[in-house]
Amino acid sequence: MSASKSARKLREIAAGWPTDPFRPNIQLKNFLQSLASHPNLTPQAVQAARGLLENNIQKKYPLSNRTLQPASMPKHYERLIQGYERSARGTGRPWWQIFFGIWR
């Protein structure tokens, strides 16, 4: 694969990369776009970026329910994702829910 073809593919991957709402000034998308102009860009780097975008490792090695819902705190990861999504929207729990440990 030629360098220009690799650069074009990496720019396509960067265009499809989601933005990070918590770090507006540091985006992986910008890094990948600047990496596309690197003179030593290899096809392996392009494949690695595509694998990250498509969650290949997560598909190859899926997590079991025992891992995702540990017996000590079965809703831990679910709450973690909910908190992340709420924080990205700018909403949170009221102080009294935090104080009493109430999750919805």
N, C-alpha and C. Protein backbone atom coordinates (compact mmCIF):
# COMPACT_ATOMS: atom_id res chain seq x y z
N MET A 1 0.85 -1.17 0.00
CA MET A 1 0.00 0.00 0.00
C MET A 1 0.90 1.23 0.00
N SER A 2 0.63 2.17 -0.88
CA SER A 2 1.45 3.36 -0.97
C SER A 2 1.16 4.31 0.19
N ALA A 3 2.09 5.24 0.38
CA ALA A 3 1.96 6.19 1.50
C ALA A 3 0.73 7.08 1.33
N SER A 4 0.44 7.49 0.09
CA SER A 4 -0.71 8.36 -0.13
C SER A 4 -2.02 7.61 0.12
N LYS A 5 -2.05 6.34 -0.24
CA LYS A 5 -3.24 5.52 0.00
C LYS A 5 -3.45 5.33 1.50
N SER A 6 -2.37 5.07 2.23
CA SER A 6 -2.45 4.93 3.68
C SER A 6 -2.91 6.23 4.32
N ALA A 7 -2.38 7.34 3.84
CA ALA A 7 -2.76 8.64 4.39
C ALA A 7 -4.24 8.92 4.14
N ARG A 8 -4.72 8.57 2.96
CA ARG A 8 -6.13 8.79 2.64
C ARG A 8 -7.03 7.93 3.54
N LYS A 9 -6.63 6.67 3.74
CA LYS A 9 -7.43 5.78 4.60
C LYS A 9 -7.42 6.27 6.05
N LEU A 10 -6.28 6.76 6.51
CA LEU A 10 -6.21 7.25 7.88
C LEU A 10 -7.05 8.52 8.04
N ARG A 11 -7.09 9.36 7.03
CA ARG A 11 -7.95 10.55 7.09
C ARG A 11 -9.43 10.14 7.13
N GLU A 12 -9.79 9.09 6.41
CA GLU A 12 -11.18 8.59 6.45
C GLU A 12 -11.52 8.06 7.85
N ILE A 13 -10.57 7.36 8.46
CA ILE A 13 -10.78 6.85 9.81
C ILE A 13 -10.94 8.02 10.78
N ALA A 14 -10.08 9.02 10.63
CA ALA A 14 -10.15 10.19 11.51
C ALA A 14 -11.47 10.92 11.35
N ALA A 15 -12.01 10.97 10.15
CA ALA A 15 -13.28 11.65 9.93
C ALA A 15 -14.43 10.93 10.64
N GLY A 16 -14.34 9.63 10.78
CA GLY A 16 -15.39 8.87 11.43
C GLY A 16 -15.22 8.74 12.94
N TRP A 17 -14.13 9.30 13.47
CA TRP A 17 -13.85 9.17 14.89
C TRP A 17 -14.77 10.08 15.71
N PRO A 18 -15.38 9.57 16.78
CA PRO A 18 -16.27 10.42 17.60
C PRO A 18 -15.47 11.45 18.39
N THR A 19 -16.11 12.58 18.66
CA THR A 19 -15.43 13.62 19.44
C THR A 19 -15.58 13.33 20.93
N ASP A 20 -14.61 13.76 21.69
CA ASP A 20 -14.61 13.58 23.14
C ASP A 20 -15.19 14.83 23.78
N PRO A 21 -16.36 14.73 24.44
CA PRO A 21 -16.97 15.93 25.01
C PRO A 21 -16.23 16.46 26.23
N PHE A 22 -15.38 15.64 26.85
CA PHE A 22 -14.69 16.07 28.06
C PHE A 22 -13.35 16.74 27.79
N ARG A 23 -12.82 16.54 26.61
CA ARG A 23 -11.54 17.18 26.24
C ARG A 23 -11.69 17.85 24.88
N PRO A 24 -12.36 18.98 24.84
CA PRO A 24 -12.59 19.62 23.54
C PRO A 24 -11.31 20.10 22.85
N ASN A 25 -10.27 20.36 23.63
CA ASN A 25 -9.03 20.85 23.03
C ASN A 25 -8.06 19.74 22.65
N ILE A 26 -8.31 18.50 23.10
CA ILE A 26 -7.45 17.37 22.74
C ILE A 26 -8.34 16.29 22.14
N GLN A 27 -8.28 16.14 20.84
CA GLN A 27 -9.12 15.16 20.14
C GLN A 27 -8.23 14.15 19.42
N LEU A 28 -8.58 12.88 19.53
CA LEU A 28 -7.84 11.84 18.83
C LEU A 28 -8.00 12.01 17.32
N LYS A 29 -9.13 12.56 16.92
CA LYS A 29 -9.38 12.82 15.50
C LYS A 29 -8.30 13.74 14.92
N ASN A 30 -7.95 14.80 15.65
CA ASN A 30 -6.91 15.73 15.19
C ASN A 30 -5.55 15.05 15.12
N PHE A 31 -5.27 14.20 16.10
CA PHE A 31 -4.00 13.48 16.10
C PHE A 31 -3.90 12.56 14.88
N LEU A 32 -4.97 11.83 14.59
CA LEU A 32 -4.95 10.92 13.45
C LEU A 32 -4.81 11.68 12.13
N GLN A 33 -5.45 12.85 12.03
CA GLN A 33 -5.31 13.65 10.81
C GLN A 33 -3.88 14.15 10.64
N SER A 34 -3.24 14.55 11.72
CA SER A 34 -1.85 14.99 11.60
C SER A 34 -0.92 13.80 11.35
N LEU A 35 -1.26 12.64 11.90
CA LEU A 35 -0.46 11.44 11.67
C LEU A 35 -0.52 11.01 10.20
N ALA A 36 -1.60 11.32 9.53
CA ALA A 36 -1.75 10.95 8.12
C ALA A 36 -0.69 11.62 7.25
N SER A 37 -0.16 12.75 7.67
CA SER A 37 0.86 13.43 6.88
C SER A 37 2.28 13.04 7.29
N HIS A 38 2.42 12.09 8.20
CA HIS A 38 3.75 11.65 8.64
C HIS A 38 4.42 10.89 7.51
N PRO A 39 5.71 11.14 7.26
CA PRO A 39 6.38 10.47 6.13
C PRO A 39 6.57 8.96 6.32
N ASN A 40 6.61 8.49 7.55
CA ASN A 40 6.84 7.06 7.80
C ASN A 40 5.56 6.32 8.20
N LEU A 41 4.44 6.76 7.70
CA LEU A 41 3.17 6.11 8.01
C LEU A 41 3.15 4.71 7.39
N THR A 42 2.79 3.73 8.22
CA THR A 42 2.78 2.35 7.75
C THR A 42 1.34 1.82 7.65
N PRO A 43 1.13 0.83 6.83
CA PRO A 43 -0.21 0.21 6.76
C PRO A 43 -0.64 -0.41 8.09
N GLN A 44 0.34 -0.86 8.89
CA GLN A 44 0.01 -1.43 10.19
C GLN A 44 -0.60 -0.37 11.11
N ALA A 45 -0.12 0.87 11.04
CA ALA A 45 -0.68 1.95 11.85
C ALA A 45 -2.11 2.25 11.42
N VAL A 46 -2.37 2.18 10.13
CA VAL A 46 -3.71 2.42 9.62
C VAL A 46 -4.64 1.29 10.08
N GLN A 47 -4.16 0.05 10.02
CA GLN A 47 -4.97 -1.09 10.47
C GLN A 47 -5.25 -1.00 11.97
N ALA A 48 -4.27 -0.55 12.75
CA ALA A 48 -4.47 -0.41 14.19
C ALA A 48 -5.53 0.65 14.48
N ALA A 49 -5.49 1.77 13.78
CA ALA A 49 -6.48 2.82 13.98
C ALA A 49 -7.87 2.33 13.58
N ARG A 50 -7.96 1.60 12.49
CA ARG A 50 -9.26 1.05 12.06
C ARG A 50 -9.77 0.04 13.09
N GLY A 51 -8.88 -0.77 13.64
CA GLY A 51 -9.27 -1.74 14.67
C GLY A 51 -9.80 -1.05 15.92
N LEU A 52 -9.19 0.06 16.30
CA LEU A 52 -9.69 0.82 17.45
C LEU A 52 -11.08 1.40 17.17
N LEU A 53 -11.26 1.93 15.97
CA LEU A 53 -12.54 2.54 15.62
C LEU A 53 -13.66 1.50 15.58
N GLU A 54 -13.35 0.31 15.11
CA GLU A 54 -14.37 -0.73 14.95
C GLU A 54 -14.48 -1.67 16.16
N ASN A 55 -13.75 -1.40 17.23
CA ASN A 55 -13.79 -2.22 18.45
C ASN A 55 -13.47 -3.68 18.18
N ASN A 56 -12.45 -3.93 17.40
CA ASN A 56 -12.10 -5.31 17.04
C ASN A 56 -11.72 -6.16 18.25
N ILE A 57 -11.00 -5.58 19.20
CA ILE A 57 -10.58 -6.35 20.38
C ILE A 57 -11.79 -6.73 21.22
N GLN A 58 -12.72 -5.79 21.36
CA GLN A 58 -13.93 -6.08 22.14
C GLN A 58 -14.75 -7.18 21.47
N LYS A 59 -14.75 -7.21 20.16
CA LYS A 59 -15.49 -8.26 19.44
C LYS A 59 -14.75 -9.60 19.54
N LYS A 60 -13.42 -9.56 19.50
CA LYS A 60 -12.64 -10.78 19.53
C LYS A 60 -12.63 -11.41 20.93
N TYR A 61 -12.58 -10.56 21.96
CA TYR A 61 -12.54 -11.02 23.33
C TYR A 61 -13.70 -10.39 24.12
N PRO A 62 -14.92 -10.89 23.93
CA PRO A 62 -16.06 -10.29 24.64
C PRO A 62 -15.98 -10.56 26.15
N LEU A 63 -16.49 -9.61 26.92
CA LEU A 63 -16.49 -9.74 28.37
C LEU A 63 -17.71 -10.54 28.83
N SER A 64 -17.50 -11.39 29.82
CA SER A 64 -18.60 -12.20 30.33
C SER A 64 -19.48 -11.38 31.27
N ASN A 65 -20.65 -11.89 31.57
CA ASN A 65 -21.54 -11.22 32.51
C ASN A 65 -20.94 -11.17 33.90
N ARG A 66 -20.14 -12.15 34.27
CA ARG A 66 -19.48 -12.14 35.58
C ARG A 66 -18.52 -10.97 35.68
N THR A 67 -17.90 -10.60 34.59
CA THR A 67 -16.99 -9.47 34.60
C THR A 67 -17.76 -8.15 34.58
N LEU A 68 -18.80 -8.09 33.77
CA LEU A 68 -19.57 -6.85 33.64
C LEU A 68 -20.49 -6.59 34.83
N GLN A 69 -20.88 -7.65 35.53
CA GLN A 69 -21.76 -7.51 36.69
C GLN A 69 -21.18 -8.31 37.86
N PRO A 70 -20.13 -7.77 38.50
CA PRO A 70 -19.52 -8.52 39.61
C PRO A 70 -20.51 -8.68 40.77
N ALA A 71 -20.36 -9.74 41.52
CA ALA A 71 -21.29 -10.05 42.61
C ALA A 71 -21.30 -8.96 43.67
N SER A 72 -20.19 -8.30 43.90
CA SER A 72 -20.13 -7.28 44.95
C SER A 72 -20.88 -6.01 44.56
N MET A 73 -20.87 -5.65 43.30
CA MET A 73 -21.57 -4.45 42.81
C MET A 73 -22.09 -4.71 41.40
N PRO A 74 -23.23 -5.38 41.25
CA PRO A 74 -23.69 -5.79 39.93
C PRO A 74 -24.02 -4.64 38.98
N LYS A 75 -24.34 -3.46 39.48
CA LYS A 75 -24.71 -2.35 38.61
C LYS A 75 -23.59 -1.33 38.45
N HIS A 76 -22.38 -1.66 38.88
CA HIS A 76 -21.29 -0.70 38.88
C HIS A 76 -20.99 -0.12 37.49
N TYR A 77 -20.77 -0.97 36.51
CA TYR A 77 -20.40 -0.48 35.18
C TYR A 77 -21.57 0.20 34.49
N GLU A 78 -22.78 -0.28 34.74
CA GLU A 78 -23.97 0.36 34.18
C GLU A 78 -24.09 1.79 34.72
N ARG A 79 -23.88 1.96 36.02
CA ARG A 79 -23.94 3.29 36.62
C ARG A 79 -22.80 4.18 36.14
N LEU A 80 -21.66 3.58 35.93
CA LEU A 80 -20.51 4.33 35.42
C LEU A 80 -20.80 4.91 34.04
N ILE A 81 -21.41 4.11 33.19
CA ILE A 81 -21.77 4.57 31.84
C ILE A 81 -22.86 5.63 31.92
N GLN A 82 -23.85 5.43 32.79
CA GLN A 82 -24.90 6.43 32.95
C GLN A 82 -24.33 7.75 33.44
N GLY A 83 -23.41 7.70 34.39
CA GLY A 83 -22.78 8.92 34.89
C GLY A 83 -21.99 9.63 33.81
N TYR A 84 -21.28 8.87 33.00
CA TYR A 84 -20.51 9.44 31.90
C TYR A 84 -21.45 10.14 30.90
N GLU A 85 -22.54 9.46 30.54
CA GLU A 85 -23.48 10.04 29.57
C GLU A 85 -24.17 11.28 30.14
N ARG A 86 -24.55 11.23 31.41
CA ARG A 86 -25.18 12.41 32.02
C ARG A 86 -24.20 13.57 32.10
N SER A 87 -22.98 13.26 32.44
CA SER A 87 -21.97 14.31 32.54
C SER A 87 -21.70 14.93 31.17
N ALA A 88 -21.71 14.12 30.13
CA ALA A 88 -21.51 14.65 28.78
C ALA A 88 -22.65 15.57 28.37
N ARG A 89 -23.87 15.27 28.86
CA ARG A 89 -25.02 16.14 28.57
C ARG A 89 -25.05 17.37 29.47
N GLY A 90 -24.29 17.32 30.56
CA GLY A 90 -24.27 18.44 31.49
C GLY A 90 -25.30 18.33 32.61
N THR A 91 -25.87 17.15 32.77
CA THR A 91 -26.83 16.94 33.85
C THR A 91 -26.21 16.03 34.90
N GLY A 92 -26.72 16.12 36.08
CA GLY A 92 -26.21 15.28 37.16
C GLY A 92 -27.31 14.93 38.12
N ARG A 93 -26.95 14.23 39.19
CA ARG A 93 -27.92 13.89 40.21
C ARG A 93 -28.02 15.04 41.21
N PRO A 94 -29.20 15.23 41.79
CA PRO A 94 -29.32 16.24 42.85
C PRO A 94 -28.46 15.85 44.05
N TRP A 95 -28.12 16.82 44.87
CA TRP A 95 -27.23 16.57 46.01
C TRP A 95 -27.80 15.53 46.96
N TRP A 96 -29.11 15.49 47.13
CA TRP A 96 -29.69 14.56 48.08
C TRP A 96 -29.60 13.13 47.59
N GLN A 97 -29.64 12.92 46.26
CA GLN A 97 -29.46 11.56 45.73
C GLN A 97 -28.02 11.11 45.94
N ILE A 98 -27.09 12.03 45.79
CA ILE A 98 -25.68 11.69 46.01
C ILE A 98 -25.47 11.37 47.50
N PHE A 99 -26.04 12.21 48.36
CA PHE A 99 -25.87 12.04 49.81
C PHE A 99 -26.43 10.70 50.29
N PHE A 100 -27.62 10.34 49.82
CA PHE A 100 -28.26 9.09 50.26
C PHE A 100 -27.89 7.89 49.40
N GLY A 101 -27.08 8.10 48.37
CA GLY A 101 -26.65 6.99 47.53
C GLY A 101 -27.76 6.41 46.67
N ILE A 102 -28.65 7.28 46.18
CA ILE A 102 -29.78 6.82 45.36
C ILE A 102 -29.38 6.91 43.89
N TRP A 103 -29.52 5.79 43.18
CA TRP A 103 -29.23 5.73 41.74
C TRP A 103 -30.51 5.42 41.00
N ARG A 104 -30.68 6.01 39.88
CA ARG A 104 -31.86 5.72 39.06
C ARG A 104 -31.44 5.21 37.72
